[in-house]
Each structure stands twice: as structure tokens, then as C-alpha cells.
Amino acid sequence: MRLTNKTVIITGSGRGIGRAIALAMAKEDAKLVVNDVNQTAIDETVAMIKDLGGDAIGILADISDARQAQELAQKTLEAYGKIDVLVNNAGILRDAMLHKMTQEQWQNVIAINLNGVFNCSSVIGTIMRDQGSGNIINISSVVGLYGNVGQTNYAATKGAVISMMKTWAKELGRKGIRSNAIAPGFIGTDMVKGMPEHIINQIESSVPLGRLGKQEEVASVAVFLASDESSYINGEVIRVDGGLYT
């Protein structure tokens, strides 16, 4: 039970990698705050956590709105009295080639993937400073490190959250707060599995391990970073990509 007595907020945890992280942390006895913009998805994740015997609440909030991010933090404090870990996971895709990318596609991705991370980390980072302890984990992507065709907006945000994390590691580390990032490669989410079979085959052939990653394999790294086992890891980016860019 590596996360006993730790309160964890996971943004975008109604489904996908965020849900996988929530379930993995529930098994380690964390108190979980499930956040998303879809109430049905929130309720499903909370129910799954409780089926495991875990402790969880759901909070509907659009983190691209600074006021709603503030309310997310306040409701968490009202329920649990502290915030030990923030997992900035919420993110969207609006892919297009540079010459075809619209202002709407650009701004929508920036709003969630970048502004949302800032909004949550700003308010919760302040709470953690007052506590004298805390842990921020940003879910980035290998696209943020190496780029990808058709993902100018996504790559920009995922690279930026790495840069912000490294800045927080310096600013907040002296206050007892660690900041790290996880950079997944091609993970078998519903979105990826919905791609044409020949595309999936191409992806798998490009990965040295010869397969897509599992959501649980990202979640296990998040559990490690949230636990005291990683107490001297700060400002690090951990790739979970099967050796894709080795």
C-alpha cells in the first residue's frame, strides 16, 4: 500500500490513461479525486474504484477555466483536507497539418493541454507550498520530445508541460514539492485501437518491443512517482515508449 493517506487529484480520469492511473492508485490505498468534463465517465471511474474497496469522489470541472480549477482544489480540500499529489493528465487531440490547422484547433488544444495544466498547478502548487509538501506529475508524450507530423498543437503543449515541470522542480523543490513528467509512446487506448489495422501494424513494427504499450504500464510509473519510493526524483521525464526513440 504505497499511497496510504495520500490524496491524489487526477485530471481527465474519466477514461483512458487517467482512469488506469486512478485504478492503479486505488489499489495502493490512495484517496482519489476523479476529475473530467463528462459526469457519466466520472461516475463510472468512481464506481470502479469503490468496487476495488477504494476511497474516491468525482468532481466535474473544465480545467481550462481558472475558476473551475480553483473550485476543483477547494472541493478536494473540503473532502480530504489536503492535496498530496496532482496528476495533470487531461488532454485532447485536434490533429492537422500545419498549413491546414485552424485557429480553433490550435486554441482548443492549448486551452486544455497547456492552460489547464497551468491553472491546476498554479492553485494546487500554492496549496502544496503552504503544506510544505506535494508532488506534481505531468502526463506529457514522446511527441513533446521529438515532434510528430500533423501534431503542431499537441507537440507544442506536451513539450511545454515538460518545460514547466522542470521549472517547478527548481522553484518548488526547495519547498518540499517534487515535479516530474511521464512521456508515453503509442499506448493501446480506445483512440489508438480505433485506427486502421495497417496503421497499427506500422506503429508496432516501429517499436523495438514490437507492440503497443498498455495503459497499466503508464499507470505503474505514475504510482511509482506518486510514492515515497521516488522521493529523490525531481525534474525527470520518464519515457514509456517501448524503446521507440532509443
C-alpha atoms as a PDB file:
ATOM      1  CA  MET A   1       0.000   0.000   0.000  1.00  0.00           C
ATOM      2  CA  ARG A   2       2.409   2.625  -1.256  1.00  0.00           C
ATOM      3  CA  LEU A   3      -0.068   5.523  -1.310  1.00  0.00           C
ATOM      4  CA  THR A   4      -1.842   5.137   2.026  1.00  0.00           C
ATOM      5  CA  ASN A   5      -3.063   8.504   3.374  1.00  0.00           C
ATOM      6  CA  LYS A   6      -2.157  10.303   0.131  1.00  0.00           C
ATOM      7  CA  THR A   7      -4.847  12.412  -1.526  1.00  0.00           C
ATOM      8  CA  VAL A   8      -4.487  12.449  -5.303  1.00  0.00           C
ATOM      9  CA  ILE A   9      -6.226  14.581  -7.924  1.00  0.00           C
ATOM     10  CA  ILE A  10      -6.125  13.123 -11.446  1.00  0.00           C
ATOM     11  CA  THR A  11      -7.441  15.378 -14.198  1.00  0.00           C
ATOM     12  CA  GLY A  12      -9.072  13.722 -17.177  1.00  0.00           C
ATOM     13  CA  SER A  13      -9.500  10.476 -15.261  1.00  0.00           C
ATOM     14  CA  GLY A  14     -12.949   9.588 -16.543  1.00  0.00           C
ATOM     15  CA  ARG A  15     -11.397   7.250 -19.093  1.00  0.00           C
ATOM     16  CA  GLY A  16      -8.203   6.141 -20.804  1.00  0.00           C
ATOM     17  CA  ILE A  17      -4.812   6.543 -19.186  1.00  0.00           C
ATOM     18  CA  GLY A  18      -6.270   8.782 -16.461  1.00  0.00           C
ATOM     19  CA  ARG A  19      -8.712   6.070 -15.423  1.00  0.00           C
ATOM     20  CA  ALA A  20      -5.937   3.461 -15.479  1.00  0.00           C
ATOM     21  CA  ILE A  21      -3.841   5.664 -13.171  1.00  0.00           C
ATOM     22  CA  ALA A  22      -6.789   6.138 -10.817  1.00  0.00           C
ATOM     23  CA  LEU A  23      -7.431   2.395 -10.583  1.00  0.00           C
ATOM     24  CA  ALA A  24      -3.743   1.621 -10.048  1.00  0.00           C
ATOM     25  CA  MET A  25      -3.533   4.207  -7.274  1.00  0.00           C
ATOM     26  CA  ALA A  26      -6.731   2.909  -5.686  1.00  0.00           C
ATOM     27  CA  LYS A  27      -5.046  -0.465  -5.325  1.00  0.00           C
ATOM     28  CA  GLU A  28      -2.269   1.329  -3.415  1.00  0.00           C
ATOM     29  CA  ASP A  29      -4.782   2.842  -0.952  1.00  0.00           C
ATOM     30  CA  ALA A  30      -4.790   6.446  -2.246  1.00  0.00           C
ATOM     31  CA  LYS A  31      -7.725   8.779  -1.653  1.00  0.00           C
ATOM     32  CA  LEU A  32      -8.704   9.772  -5.179  1.00  0.00           C
ATOM     33  CA  VAL A  33     -10.347  12.758  -6.799  1.00  0.00           C
ATOM     34  CA  VAL A  34     -11.623  11.835 -10.250  1.00  0.00           C
ATOM     35  CA  ASN A  35     -11.925  14.889 -12.494  1.00  0.00           C
ATOM     36  CA  ASP A  36     -13.318  15.137 -16.002  1.00  0.00           C
ATOM     37  CA  VAL A  37     -15.781  17.151 -18.095  1.00  0.00           C
ATOM     38  CA  ASN A  38     -18.052  14.122 -18.547  1.00  0.00           C
ATOM     39  CA  GLN A  39     -20.144  13.279 -15.484  1.00  0.00           C
ATOM     40  CA  THR A  40     -21.028   9.800 -16.713  1.00  0.00           C
ATOM     41  CA  ALA A  41     -17.356   8.950 -17.197  1.00  0.00           C
ATOM     42  CA  ILE A  42     -16.555  10.321 -13.739  1.00  0.00           C
ATOM     43  CA  ASP A  43     -19.281   8.213 -12.143  1.00  0.00           C
ATOM     44  CA  GLU A  44     -18.054   5.093 -13.916  1.00  0.00           C
ATOM     45  CA  THR A  45     -14.471   5.571 -12.715  1.00  0.00           C
ATOM     46  CA  VAL A  46     -15.559   6.320  -9.150  1.00  0.00           C
ATOM     47  CA  ALA A  47     -17.720   3.194  -9.141  1.00  0.00           C
ATOM     48  CA  MET A  48     -14.787   1.097 -10.393  1.00  0.00           C
ATOM     49  CA  ILE A  49     -12.573   2.480  -7.626  1.00  0.00           C
ATOM     50  CA  LYS A  50     -15.185   1.730  -4.975  1.00  0.00           C
ATOM     51  CA  ASP A  51     -15.591  -1.802  -6.353  1.00  0.00           C
ATOM     52  CA  LEU A  52     -11.889  -2.215  -5.532  1.00  0.00           C
ATOM     53  CA  GLY A  53     -12.584  -1.052  -1.983  1.00  0.00           C
ATOM     54  CA  GLY A  54     -11.067   2.358  -2.665  1.00  0.00           C
ATOM     55  CA  ASP A  55     -11.943   5.855  -1.479  1.00  0.00           C
ATOM     56  CA  ALA A  56     -12.888   8.312  -4.227  1.00  0.00           C
ATOM     57  CA  ILE A  57     -15.011  11.312  -5.098  1.00  0.00           C
ATOM     58  CA  GLY A  58     -15.798  12.756  -8.506  1.00  0.00           C
ATOM     59  CA  ILE A  59     -15.590  16.450  -9.368  1.00  0.00           C
ATOM     60  CA  LEU A  60     -16.899  17.800 -12.656  1.00  0.00           C
ATOM     61  CA  ALA A  61     -14.687  20.691 -13.797  1.00  0.00           C
ATOM     62  CA  ASP A  62     -13.308  22.147 -17.012  1.00  0.00           C
ATOM     63  CA  ILE A  63      -9.718  22.885 -16.027  1.00  0.00           C
ATOM     64  CA  SER A  64      -9.230  25.249 -18.975  1.00  0.00           C
ATOM     65  CA  ASP A  65     -11.310  27.663 -16.844  1.00  0.00           C
ATOM     66  CA  ALA A  66      -9.158  29.000 -13.977  1.00  0.00           C
ATOM     67  CA  ARG A  67     -12.206  29.458 -11.749  1.00  0.00           C
ATOM     68  CA  GLN A  68     -13.232  25.815 -12.167  1.00  0.00           C
ATOM     69  CA  ALA A  69      -9.673  24.681 -11.457  1.00  0.00           C
ATOM     70  CA  GLN A  70      -9.831  26.688  -8.223  1.00  0.00           C
ATOM     71  CA  GLU A  71     -13.130  25.017  -7.327  1.00  0.00           C
ATOM     72  CA  LEU A  72     -11.617  21.581  -8.024  1.00  0.00           C
ATOM     73  CA  ALA A  73      -8.896  22.299  -5.476  1.00  0.00           C
ATOM     74  CA  GLN A  74     -11.298  23.774  -2.920  1.00  0.00           C
ATOM     75  CA  LYS A  75     -13.734  20.840  -3.111  1.00  0.00           C
ATOM     76  CA  THR A  76     -10.821  18.442  -2.667  1.00  0.00           C
ATOM     77  CA  LEU A  77      -9.706  20.261   0.480  1.00  0.00           C
ATOM     78  CA  GLU A  78     -13.253  20.201   1.812  1.00  0.00           C
ATOM     79  CA  ALA A  79     -13.443  16.439   1.272  1.00  0.00           C
ATOM     80  CA  TYR A  80      -9.946  15.343   2.317  1.00  0.00           C
ATOM     81  CA  GLY A  81      -8.226  18.285   3.997  1.00  0.00           C
ATOM     82  CA  LYS A  82      -5.061  18.196   1.882  1.00  0.00           C
ATOM     83  CA  ILE A  83      -3.688  17.519  -1.596  1.00  0.00           C
ATOM     84  CA  ASP A  84      -0.588  15.335  -1.773  1.00  0.00           C
ATOM     85  CA  VAL A  85      -0.385  14.571  -5.489  1.00  0.00           C
ATOM     86  CA  LEU A  86      -1.620  16.288  -8.637  1.00  0.00           C
ATOM     87  CA  VAL A  87      -1.579  14.254 -11.848  1.00  0.00           C
ATOM     88  CA  ASN A  88      -2.019  16.594 -14.824  1.00  0.00           C
ATOM     89  CA  ASN A  89      -3.416  14.081 -17.284  1.00  0.00           C
ATOM     90  CA  ALA A  90      -6.304  15.797 -19.093  1.00  0.00           C
ATOM     91  CA  GLY A  91      -5.619  16.327 -22.781  1.00  0.00           C
ATOM     92  CA  ILE A  92      -7.227  16.381 -26.213  1.00  0.00           C
ATOM     93  CA  LEU A  93      -6.175  15.901 -29.833  1.00  0.00           C
ATOM     94  CA  ARG A  94      -7.133  18.116 -32.762  1.00  0.00           C
ATOM     95  CA  ASP A  95      -4.664  16.940 -35.389  1.00  0.00           C
ATOM     96  CA  ALA A  96      -3.968  18.683 -38.698  1.00  0.00           C
ATOM     97  CA  MET A  97      -1.013  19.524 -40.898  1.00  0.00           C
ATOM     98  CA  LEU A  98       0.402  22.984 -40.208  1.00  0.00           C
ATOM     99  CA  HIS A  99      -0.996  24.515 -43.399  1.00  0.00           C
ATOM    100  CA  LYS A 100      -4.461  23.151 -42.600  1.00  0.00           C
ATOM    101  CA  MET A 101      -4.589  23.731 -38.850  1.00  0.00           C
ATOM    102  CA  THR A 102      -7.292  26.194 -37.878  1.00  0.00           C
ATOM    103  CA  GLN A 103      -7.198  28.725 -35.078  1.00  0.00           C
ATOM    104  CA  GLU A 104      -9.941  26.726 -33.362  1.00  0.00           C
ATOM    105  CA  GLN A 105      -7.883  23.514 -33.478  1.00  0.00           C
ATOM    106  CA  TRP A 106      -4.851  25.348 -32.119  1.00  0.00           C
ATOM    107  CA  GLN A 107      -6.688  27.179 -29.336  1.00  0.00           C
ATOM    108  CA  ASN A 108      -8.729  24.175 -28.193  1.00  0.00           C
ATOM    109  CA  VAL A 109      -5.622  22.074 -27.608  1.00  0.00           C
ATOM    110  CA  ILE A 110      -3.763  24.945 -25.948  1.00  0.00           C
ATOM    111  CA  ALA A 111      -6.739  25.584 -23.641  1.00  0.00           C
ATOM    112  CA  ILE A 112      -6.868  22.051 -22.203  1.00  0.00           C
ATOM    113  CA  ASN A 113      -3.369  20.622 -22.614  1.00  0.00           C
ATOM    114  CA  LEU A 114      -1.411  23.718 -21.593  1.00  0.00           C
ATOM    115  CA  ASN A 115      -3.631  26.284 -19.872  1.00  0.00           C
ATOM    116  CA  GLY A 116      -5.363  23.520 -17.929  1.00  0.00           C
ATOM    117  CA  VAL A 117      -2.058  22.256 -16.574  1.00  0.00           C
ATOM    118  CA  PHE A 118      -1.056  25.780 -15.575  1.00  0.00           C
ATOM    119  CA  ASN A 119      -4.418  26.513 -13.951  1.00  0.00           C
ATOM    120  CA  CYS A 120      -4.355  23.388 -11.789  1.00  0.00           C
ATOM    121  CA  SER A 121      -0.676  23.542 -10.930  1.00  0.00           C
ATOM    122  CA  SER A 122      -0.797  27.226 -10.039  1.00  0.00           C
ATOM    123  CA  VAL A 123      -3.559  26.893  -7.458  1.00  0.00           C
ATOM    124  CA  ILE A 124      -2.609  23.444  -6.167  1.00  0.00           C
ATOM    125  CA  GLY A 125       1.091  24.275  -6.158  1.00  0.00           C
ATOM    126  CA  THR A 126       0.285  27.176  -3.844  1.00  0.00           C
ATOM    127  CA  ILE A 127      -1.635  24.826  -1.544  1.00  0.00           C
ATOM    128  CA  MET A 128       1.321  22.444  -1.547  1.00  0.00           C
ATOM    129  CA  ARG A 129       3.705  25.288  -0.682  1.00  0.00           C
ATOM    130  CA  ASP A 130       1.576  26.078   2.358  1.00  0.00           C
ATOM    131  CA  GLN A 131       1.596  22.389   3.322  1.00  0.00           C
ATOM    132  CA  GLY A 132       5.357  22.163   2.875  1.00  0.00           C
ATOM    133  CA  SER A 133       4.986  19.042   0.740  1.00  0.00           C
ATOM    134  CA  GLY A 134       3.498  17.828  -2.514  1.00  0.00           C
ATOM    135  CA  ASN A 135       4.044  16.059  -5.786  1.00  0.00           C
ATOM    136  CA  ILE A 136       3.129  17.143  -9.330  1.00  0.00           C
ATOM    137  CA  ILE A 137       3.149  14.618 -12.177  1.00  0.00           C
ATOM    138  CA  ASN A 138       2.591  15.844 -15.744  1.00  0.00           C
ATOM    139  CA  ILE A 139       1.472  13.328 -18.353  1.00  0.00           C
ATOM    140  CA  SER A 140       3.350  14.513 -21.429  1.00  0.00           C
ATOM    141  CA  SER A 141       4.157  12.477 -24.560  1.00  0.00           C
ATOM    142  CA  VAL A 142       7.123  11.432 -26.651  1.00  0.00           C
ATOM    143  CA  VAL A 143       5.612  13.810 -29.214  1.00  0.00           C
ATOM    144  CA  GLY A 144       6.557  16.617 -26.845  1.00  0.00           C
ATOM    145  CA  LEU A 145      10.180  15.465 -27.020  1.00  0.00           C
ATOM    146  CA  TYR A 146      10.526  14.538 -30.683  1.00  0.00           C
ATOM    147  CA  GLY A 147       7.567  16.058 -32.559  1.00  0.00           C
ATOM    148  CA  ASN A 148       5.158  14.303 -34.911  1.00  0.00           C
ATOM    149  CA  VAL A 149       3.645  15.027 -38.301  1.00  0.00           C
ATOM    150  CA  GLY A 150       0.228  16.655 -38.065  1.00  0.00           C
ATOM    151  CA  GLN A 151       0.507  17.483 -34.369  1.00  0.00           C
ATOM    152  CA  THR A 152       1.923  21.013 -34.128  1.00  0.00           C
ATOM    153  CA  ASN A 153      -0.575  21.951 -31.425  1.00  0.00           C
ATOM    154  CA  TYR A 154      -0.286  18.723 -29.426  1.00  0.00           C
ATOM    155  CA  ALA A 155       3.524  18.645 -29.625  1.00  0.00           C
ATOM    156  CA  ALA A 156       3.715  22.290 -28.538  1.00  0.00           C
ATOM    157  CA  THR A 157       1.640  21.637 -25.419  1.00  0.00           C
ATOM    158  CA  LYS A 158       3.344  18.383 -24.471  1.00  0.00           C
ATOM    159  CA  GLY A 159       6.772  19.953 -24.841  1.00  0.00           C
ATOM    160  CA  ALA A 160       5.639  22.953 -22.828  1.00  0.00           C
ATOM    161  CA  VAL A 161       4.403  20.883 -19.874  1.00  0.00           C
ATOM    162  CA  ILE A 162       7.844  19.285 -19.689  1.00  0.00           C
ATOM    163  CA  SER A 163       9.463  22.731 -19.600  1.00  0.00           C
ATOM    164  CA  MET A 164       7.025  23.911 -16.939  1.00  0.00           C
ATOM    165  CA  MET A 165       7.699  20.795 -14.868  1.00  0.00           C
ATOM    166  CA  LYS A 166      11.439  21.418 -14.968  1.00  0.00           C
ATOM    167  CA  THR A 167      10.855  24.993 -13.843  1.00  0.00           C
ATOM    168  CA  TRP A 168       8.635  23.840 -10.965  1.00  0.00           C
ATOM    169  CA  ALA A 169      11.266  21.289  -9.937  1.00  0.00           C
ATOM    170  CA  LYS A 170      13.590  24.248  -9.332  1.00  0.00           C
ATOM    171  CA  GLU A 171      11.015  26.651  -7.865  1.00  0.00           C
ATOM    172  CA  LEU A 172       9.096  24.237  -5.675  1.00  0.00           C
ATOM    173  CA  GLY A 173      11.762  21.679  -4.825  1.00  0.00           C
ATOM    174  CA  ARG A 174      13.097  23.869  -2.016  1.00  0.00           C
ATOM    175  CA  LYS A 175       9.564  23.847  -0.569  1.00  0.00           C
ATOM    176  CA  GLY A 176       9.449  20.047  -0.426  1.00  0.00           C
ATOM    177  CA  ILE A 177       7.474  19.634  -3.634  1.00  0.00           C
ATOM    178  CA  ARG A 178       8.629  17.304  -6.402  1.00  0.00           C
ATOM    179  CA  SER A 179       7.705  17.692 -10.081  1.00  0.00           C
ATOM    180  CA  ASN A 180       8.197  15.066 -12.785  1.00  0.00           C
ATOM    181  CA  ALA A 181       6.727  14.009 -16.120  1.00  0.00           C
ATOM    182  CA  ILE A 182       5.819  10.810 -17.919  1.00  0.00           C
ATOM    183  CA  ALA A 183       6.142  10.688 -21.708  1.00  0.00           C
ATOM    184  CA  PRO A 184       4.099   7.786 -23.110  1.00  0.00           C
ATOM    185  CA  GLY A 185       4.645   6.499 -26.618  1.00  0.00           C
ATOM    186  CA  PHE A 186       1.960   4.631 -28.562  1.00  0.00           C
ATOM    187  CA  ILE A 187      -0.403   3.274 -25.912  1.00  0.00           C
ATOM    188  CA  GLY A 188      -3.368   0.995 -26.585  1.00  0.00           C
ATOM    189  CA  THR A 189      -6.099   3.483 -25.746  1.00  0.00           C
ATOM    190  CA  ASP A 190      -9.508   3.297 -27.422  1.00  0.00           C
ATOM    191  CA  MET A 191      -8.414   6.098 -29.742  1.00  0.00           C
ATOM    192  CA  VAL A 192      -5.310   4.256 -30.921  1.00  0.00           C
ATOM    193  CA  LYS A 193      -7.095   0.914 -31.189  1.00  0.00           C
ATOM    194  CA  GLY A 194      -9.661   2.614 -33.423  1.00  0.00           C
ATOM    195  CA  MET A 195      -7.013   3.336 -36.057  1.00  0.00           C
ATOM    196  CA  PRO A 196      -6.940   1.249 -39.276  1.00  0.00           C
ATOM    197  CA  GLU A 197      -5.225  -2.104 -38.794  1.00  0.00           C
ATOM    198  CA  HIS A 198      -2.422  -1.321 -41.253  1.00  0.00           C
ATOM    199  CA  ILE A 199      -1.563   1.848 -39.294  1.00  0.00           C
ATOM    200  CA  ILE A 200      -1.427  -0.086 -36.031  1.00  0.00           C
ATOM    201  CA  ASN A 201       0.818  -2.661 -37.700  1.00  0.00           C
ATOM    202  CA  GLN A 202       3.151   0.117 -38.854  1.00  0.00           C
ATOM    203  CA  ILE A 203       3.286   1.551 -35.360  1.00  0.00           C
ATOM    204  CA  GLU A 204       4.028  -1.815 -33.793  1.00  0.00           C
ATOM    205  CA  SER A 205       6.794  -2.531 -36.300  1.00  0.00           C
ATOM    206  CA  SER A 206       8.475   0.786 -35.386  1.00  0.00           C
ATOM    207  CA  VAL A 207       8.611  -0.095 -31.681  1.00  0.00           C
ATOM    208  CA  PRO A 208      11.577  -2.270 -30.625  1.00  0.00           C
ATOM    209  CA  LEU A 209       9.328  -4.239 -28.271  1.00  0.00           C
ATOM    210  CA  GLY A 210       7.012  -4.913 -31.199  1.00  0.00           C
ATOM    211  CA  ARG A 211       3.712  -3.890 -29.629  1.00  0.00           C
ATOM    212  CA  LEU A 212       1.589  -1.045 -28.334  1.00  0.00           C
ATOM    213  CA  GLY A 213       2.013  -0.087 -24.697  1.00  0.00           C
ATOM    214  CA  LYS A 214      -0.642  -0.843 -22.123  1.00  0.00           C
ATOM    215  CA  GLN A 215      -2.377   1.874 -20.150  1.00  0.00           C
ATOM    216  CA  GLU A 216      -1.462  -0.015 -16.993  1.00  0.00           C
ATOM    217  CA  GLU A 217       2.226   0.306 -17.888  1.00  0.00           C
ATOM    218  CA  VAL A 218       1.907   4.096 -17.808  1.00  0.00           C
ATOM    219  CA  ALA A 219      -0.135   3.880 -14.615  1.00  0.00           C
ATOM    220  CA  SER A 220       2.533   1.866 -12.810  1.00  0.00           C
ATOM    221  CA  VAL A 221       5.083   4.623 -13.454  1.00  0.00           C
ATOM    222  CA  ALA A 222       2.633   7.208 -12.123  1.00  0.00           C
ATOM    223  CA  VAL A 223       2.202   5.137  -8.955  1.00  0.00           C
ATOM    224  CA  PHE A 224       5.972   4.974  -8.521  1.00  0.00           C
ATOM    225  CA  LEU A 225       6.375   8.738  -8.958  1.00  0.00           C
ATOM    226  CA  ALA A 226       3.500   9.405  -6.551  1.00  0.00           C
ATOM    227  CA  SER A 227       5.017   7.154  -3.895  1.00  0.00           C
ATOM    228  CA  ASP A 228       7.812   7.818  -1.438  1.00  0.00           C
ATOM    229  CA  GLU A 229       9.919   5.291  -3.361  1.00  0.00           C
ATOM    230  CA  SER A 230      10.738   8.112  -5.782  1.00  0.00           C
ATOM    231  CA  SER A 231      11.446  10.668  -3.048  1.00  0.00           C
ATOM    232  CA  TYR A 232      14.739  11.864  -4.615  1.00  0.00           C
ATOM    233  CA  ILE A 233      13.483  12.048  -8.204  1.00  0.00           C
ATOM    234  CA  ASN A 234      12.723  15.620  -9.227  1.00  0.00           C
ATOM    235  CA  GLY A 235      12.643  17.293 -12.646  1.00  0.00           C
ATOM    236  CA  GLU A 236      12.766  13.997 -14.537  1.00  0.00           C
ATOM    237  CA  VAL A 237      10.999  12.836 -17.717  1.00  0.00           C
ATOM    238  CA  ILE A 238      10.355   9.088 -17.864  1.00  0.00           C
ATOM    239  CA  ARG A 239       9.579   7.725 -21.325  1.00  0.00           C
ATOM    240  CA  VAL A 240       7.170   4.780 -21.536  1.00  0.00           C
ATOM    241  CA  ASP A 241       7.509   4.033 -25.233  1.00  0.00           C
ATOM    242  CA  GLY A 242       8.929   0.523 -25.659  1.00  0.00           C
ATOM    243  CA  GLY A 243      12.247   1.976 -26.846  1.00  0.00           C
ATOM    244  CA  LEU A 244      10.640   3.855 -29.753  1.00  0.00           C
ATOM    245  CA  TYR A 245      13.246   6.635 -29.726  1.00  0.00           C
ATOM    246  CA  THR A 246      16.192   4.728 -28.313  1.00  0.00           C
END
